Protein backbone atom coordinates (compact mmCIF):
# COMPACT_ATOMS: atom_id res chain seq x y z
CA MET A 1 -24.95 -13.62 -12.71
CA LEU A 2 -21.35 -13.43 -11.67
CA SER A 3 -21.02 -12.89 -7.62
CA VAL A 4 -17.52 -10.76 -7.22
CA ILE A 5 -15.76 -11.66 -3.06
CA ILE A 6 -13.79 -8.45 -2.05
CA PRO A 7 -12.29 -9.82 1.47
CA THR A 8 -10.97 -6.68 3.10
CA LYS A 9 -9.19 -4.92 5.84
CA ASN A 10 -8.77 -1.08 6.58
CA GLU A 11 -9.16 -0.15 2.46
CA PRO A 12 -9.51 3.17 1.78
CA TYR A 13 -9.74 1.97 -1.76
CA ILE A 14 -12.55 0.03 -1.79
CA GLN A 15 -15.13 2.19 -2.84
CA GLU A 16 -13.71 3.33 -5.80
CA LEU A 17 -12.79 -0.26 -6.93
CA VAL A 18 -16.26 -1.04 -6.37
CA GLU A 19 -17.49 1.30 -8.91
CA LYS A 20 -14.88 0.46 -10.84
CA ILE A 21 -16.39 -2.97 -11.44
CA ASN A 22 -20.38 -1.51 -11.68
CA SER A 23 -19.16 0.20 -14.58
CA GLU A 24 -17.13 -2.46 -16.22
CA LEU A 25 -19.74 -4.80 -15.22
CA LYS A 26 -22.55 -2.47 -16.65
CA GLY A 27 -24.18 -5.25 -18.48
CA ILE A 28 -23.66 -8.96 -16.78
CA SER A 29 -25.41 -9.51 -14.25
CA HIS A 30 -23.26 -9.07 -10.84
CA GLU A 31 -24.07 -8.82 -6.87
CA ILE A 32 -20.25 -7.59 -5.19
CA ILE A 33 -20.43 -8.50 -1.35
CA VAL A 34 -17.79 -6.76 1.02
CA VAL A 35 -16.15 -9.12 3.57
CA ASP A 36 -14.74 -5.79 5.65
CA LEU A 37 -12.77 -7.39 9.04
CA SER A 38 -11.09 -3.90 9.41
CA ASP A 39 -12.16 -2.20 13.11
CA ILE A 40 -14.50 0.74 12.12
CA PRO A 41 -16.24 -1.22 8.86
CA PRO A 42 -16.05 1.49 5.90
CA LYS A 43 -19.23 2.85 4.03
CA ILE A 44 -20.07 1.87 0.93
CA SER A 45 -22.15 2.28 -1.89
CA GLY A 46 -22.77 -0.29 -4.63
CA ALA A 47 -21.74 -3.34 -2.71
CA LYS A 48 -23.18 -5.21 0.29
CA LEU A 49 -21.11 -4.81 3.59
CA VAL A 50 -20.65 -7.69 5.49
CA ARG A 51 -18.47 -8.06 8.97
CA GLN A 52 -16.10 -10.68 8.67
CA LYS A 53 -16.97 -13.42 12.14
CA SER A 54 -13.48 -15.91 11.73
CA LYS A 55 -10.17 -14.64 10.60
CA GLY A 56 -8.28 -14.85 7.52
CA LEU A 57 -8.96 -14.24 3.04
CA GLY A 58 -9.95 -17.77 2.35
CA ASN A 59 -12.24 -18.09 5.45
CA ALA A 60 -13.75 -14.25 4.51
CA PHE A 61 -13.78 -15.61 0.68
CA LEU A 62 -16.50 -18.60 1.77
CA GLU A 63 -17.62 -16.83 4.82
CA GLY A 64 -19.63 -14.11 1.64
CA PHE A 65 -19.55 -17.20 -0.85
CA GLU A 66 -22.44 -18.35 1.74
CA ILE A 67 -24.90 -15.31 1.37
CA SER A 68 -23.96 -14.65 -3.37
CA LYS A 69 -26.16 -15.92 -5.12
CA GLY A 70 -24.24 -16.35 -8.25
CA GLU A 71 -23.98 -18.72 -10.85
CA PHE A 72 -20.51 -17.44 -11.15
CA VAL A 73 -18.46 -17.08 -7.82
CA ALA A 74 -14.91 -14.31 -7.68
CA LEU A 75 -12.16 -13.98 -5.47
CA MET A 76 -10.02 -9.94 -5.80
CA ASP A 77 -8.22 -7.63 -3.93
CA GLY A 78 -9.59 -4.91 -2.71
CA ASP A 79 -6.58 -2.87 -2.88
CA GLY A 80 -6.75 -2.29 -6.34
CA SER A 81 -4.56 -5.00 -7.52
CA HIS A 82 -6.62 -5.98 -8.97
CA SER A 83 -8.36 -4.57 -11.68
CA SER A 84 -12.20 -4.56 -12.42
CA HIS A 85 -11.32 -5.09 -16.71
CA ASP A 86 -9.13 -8.15 -15.81
CA LEU A 87 -11.63 -9.73 -14.12
CA LYS A 88 -14.50 -8.83 -16.45
CA LYS A 89 -11.68 -10.67 -19.27
CA LEU A 90 -11.59 -13.68 -15.82
CA PHE A 91 -15.09 -13.70 -16.20
CA GLN A 92 -15.68 -13.95 -20.40
CA SER A 93 -12.35 -16.41 -20.60
CA ILE A 94 -14.56 -19.01 -18.34
CA ASN A 95 -16.28 -20.72 -20.84
CA GLY A 96 -15.85 -24.69 -21.27
CA TYR A 97 -13.70 -24.33 -17.44
CA ASP A 98 -14.37 -24.83 -14.22
CA MET A 99 -12.12 -22.18 -12.52
CA ALA A 100 -10.08 -18.54 -15.14
CA TRP A 101 -7.48 -17.86 -13.35
CA GLY A 102 -5.59 -14.65 -12.96
CA SER A 103 -2.44 -14.70 -13.58
CA LYS A 104 1.01 -12.44 -14.14
CA LEU A 105 3.28 -15.58 -15.21
CA VAL A 106 1.48 -16.22 -18.56
CA ALA A 107 2.02 -14.64 -21.50
CA GLY A 108 0.63 -11.37 -21.86
CA GLY A 109 0.67 -11.42 -18.00
CA LYS A 110 2.27 -8.03 -15.71
CA THR A 111 2.92 -7.02 -12.88
CA GLU A 112 4.37 -3.59 -10.96
CA ASP A 113 6.22 -5.99 -7.80
CA SER A 114 9.57 -5.27 -7.17
CA PHE A 115 12.45 -7.72 -8.81
CA SER A 116 12.48 -9.61 -4.86
CA ARG A 117 8.99 -10.12 -5.08
CA GLN A 118 9.18 -11.78 -8.31
CA LEU A 119 11.48 -13.97 -7.24
CA VAL A 120 9.77 -15.64 -4.49
CA THR A 121 6.30 -15.82 -6.51
CA SER A 122 8.51 -17.00 -9.12
CA GLY A 123 9.95 -19.88 -6.84
CA PHE A 124 7.07 -20.07 -5.33
CA SER A 125 5.89 -21.38 -8.04
CA LEU A 126 7.75 -23.78 -9.21
CA ILE A 127 8.03 -25.60 -6.46
CA THR A 128 3.99 -25.57 -5.81
CA ARG A 129 3.77 -27.37 -9.53
CA ALA A 130 6.62 -29.15 -8.05
CA LEU A 131 5.34 -30.66 -5.15
CA LEU A 132 1.79 -30.90 -5.96
CA TRP A 133 1.66 -31.77 -9.91
CA ILE A 134 -0.30 -29.08 -11.09
CA PRO A 135 -0.51 -27.29 -14.11
CA VAL A 136 -1.30 -23.79 -13.20
CA LYS A 137 2.33 -21.59 -12.90
CA ASP A 138 1.07 -18.33 -10.81
CA SER A 139 -0.05 -20.53 -8.30
CA MET A 140 0.49 -17.28 -6.32
CA SER A 141 -2.62 -15.88 -8.24
CA GLY A 142 -5.00 -14.23 -5.78
CA PHE A 143 -8.08 -13.59 -8.88
CA ALA A 144 -9.93 -16.32 -10.23
CA VAL A 145 -13.63 -16.85 -11.30
CA TYR A 146 -15.37 -19.89 -10.45
CA ARG A 147 -18.03 -21.79 -11.83
CA ARG A 148 -19.92 -21.95 -8.08
CA GLU A 149 -20.39 -26.25 -8.06
CA VAL A 150 -17.10 -26.09 -8.02
CA ILE A 151 -16.93 -24.44 -4.91
CA GLU A 152 -19.73 -26.35 -4.11
CA SER A 153 -18.00 -29.69 -4.33
CA ALA A 154 -14.74 -28.40 -2.79
CA SER A 155 -16.26 -26.01 0.19
CA LYS A 156 -16.31 -29.51 2.46
CA LYS A 157 -12.95 -30.31 2.68
CA LEU A 158 -11.25 -26.48 2.32
CA GLN A 159 -9.04 -25.56 5.93
CA PRO A 160 -8.44 -22.23 3.98
CA ARG A 161 -5.05 -20.83 6.12
CA GLY A 162 -4.21 -17.55 4.26
CA PHE A 163 -4.24 -15.99 1.27
CA LYS A 164 -3.76 -19.15 -0.74
CA ILE A 165 -8.05 -20.49 -0.57
CA ASN A 166 -7.11 -20.27 -5.03
CA LEU A 167 -4.84 -23.03 -5.12
CA GLU A 168 -6.45 -24.61 -1.88
CA ILE A 169 -9.77 -24.91 -4.54
CA TYR A 170 -8.37 -25.84 -7.26
CA TYR A 171 -6.37 -28.38 -6.00
CA LYS A 172 -9.03 -30.31 -3.89
CA SER A 173 -11.51 -30.03 -6.55
CA ARG A 174 -9.94 -30.55 -9.67
CA ALA A 175 -11.33 -28.36 -11.62
CA ARG A 176 -10.40 -27.43 -15.06
CA ALA A 177 -8.39 -23.82 -14.98
CA VAL A 178 -7.65 -21.74 -17.87
CA GLU A 179 -5.11 -19.34 -16.96
CA VAL A 180 -5.78 -16.26 -18.35
CA SER A 181 -2.80 -12.94 -18.62
CA ILE A 182 -3.95 -10.03 -16.14
CA THR A 183 -1.58 -7.05 -14.53
CA PHE A 184 -1.02 -7.16 -10.99
CA HIS A 185 -0.98 -3.95 -9.88
CA LYS A 186 0.53 -2.22 -7.09
CA ARG A 187 -1.31 -1.14 -3.98
CA LYS A 188 -3.61 1.94 -4.69
CA ALA A 189 -3.75 3.58 -1.72
CA GLY A 190 -3.48 2.27 2.20
CA GLU A 191 -0.47 -0.97 3.41
């Protein structure tokens, strides 16, 4: 089973994304957990909605992980920048690895980001690779599928700050990762 965890805060696109995920993963055992910190919680069908108790995307992911049931666990954005098609591609690519990491910076990867944001992403990823001695090209990616045991082995060491929970899990678990090309889309709705 694949547990898809989507942290949200005032995301008007979330219902449409949930519908696309359920359609794309038809025939694959899965659950969708939306961990929400909105002022007014959204009404969602086709997913489990959980009110976030803490602050930050990393903590939202860990709260969703605590109630997830899947042997595999995915983290993705709720604004449409990560696609359901790429989610399925990541899930299908994890065989033989501990983690499938969505990447805009490998062959076939694309982004709809502005040029300045692309420079920031590339620069940060280059610095991260050099400082942490990791081979991942797109350490800014917030899109990944893990084997459950990878998160469990790293969870006691995690101290999530902001949106780099994937990098922290990868670094602290030393997971065997494969980078899979994705398209990073512009936000579909909201701010």
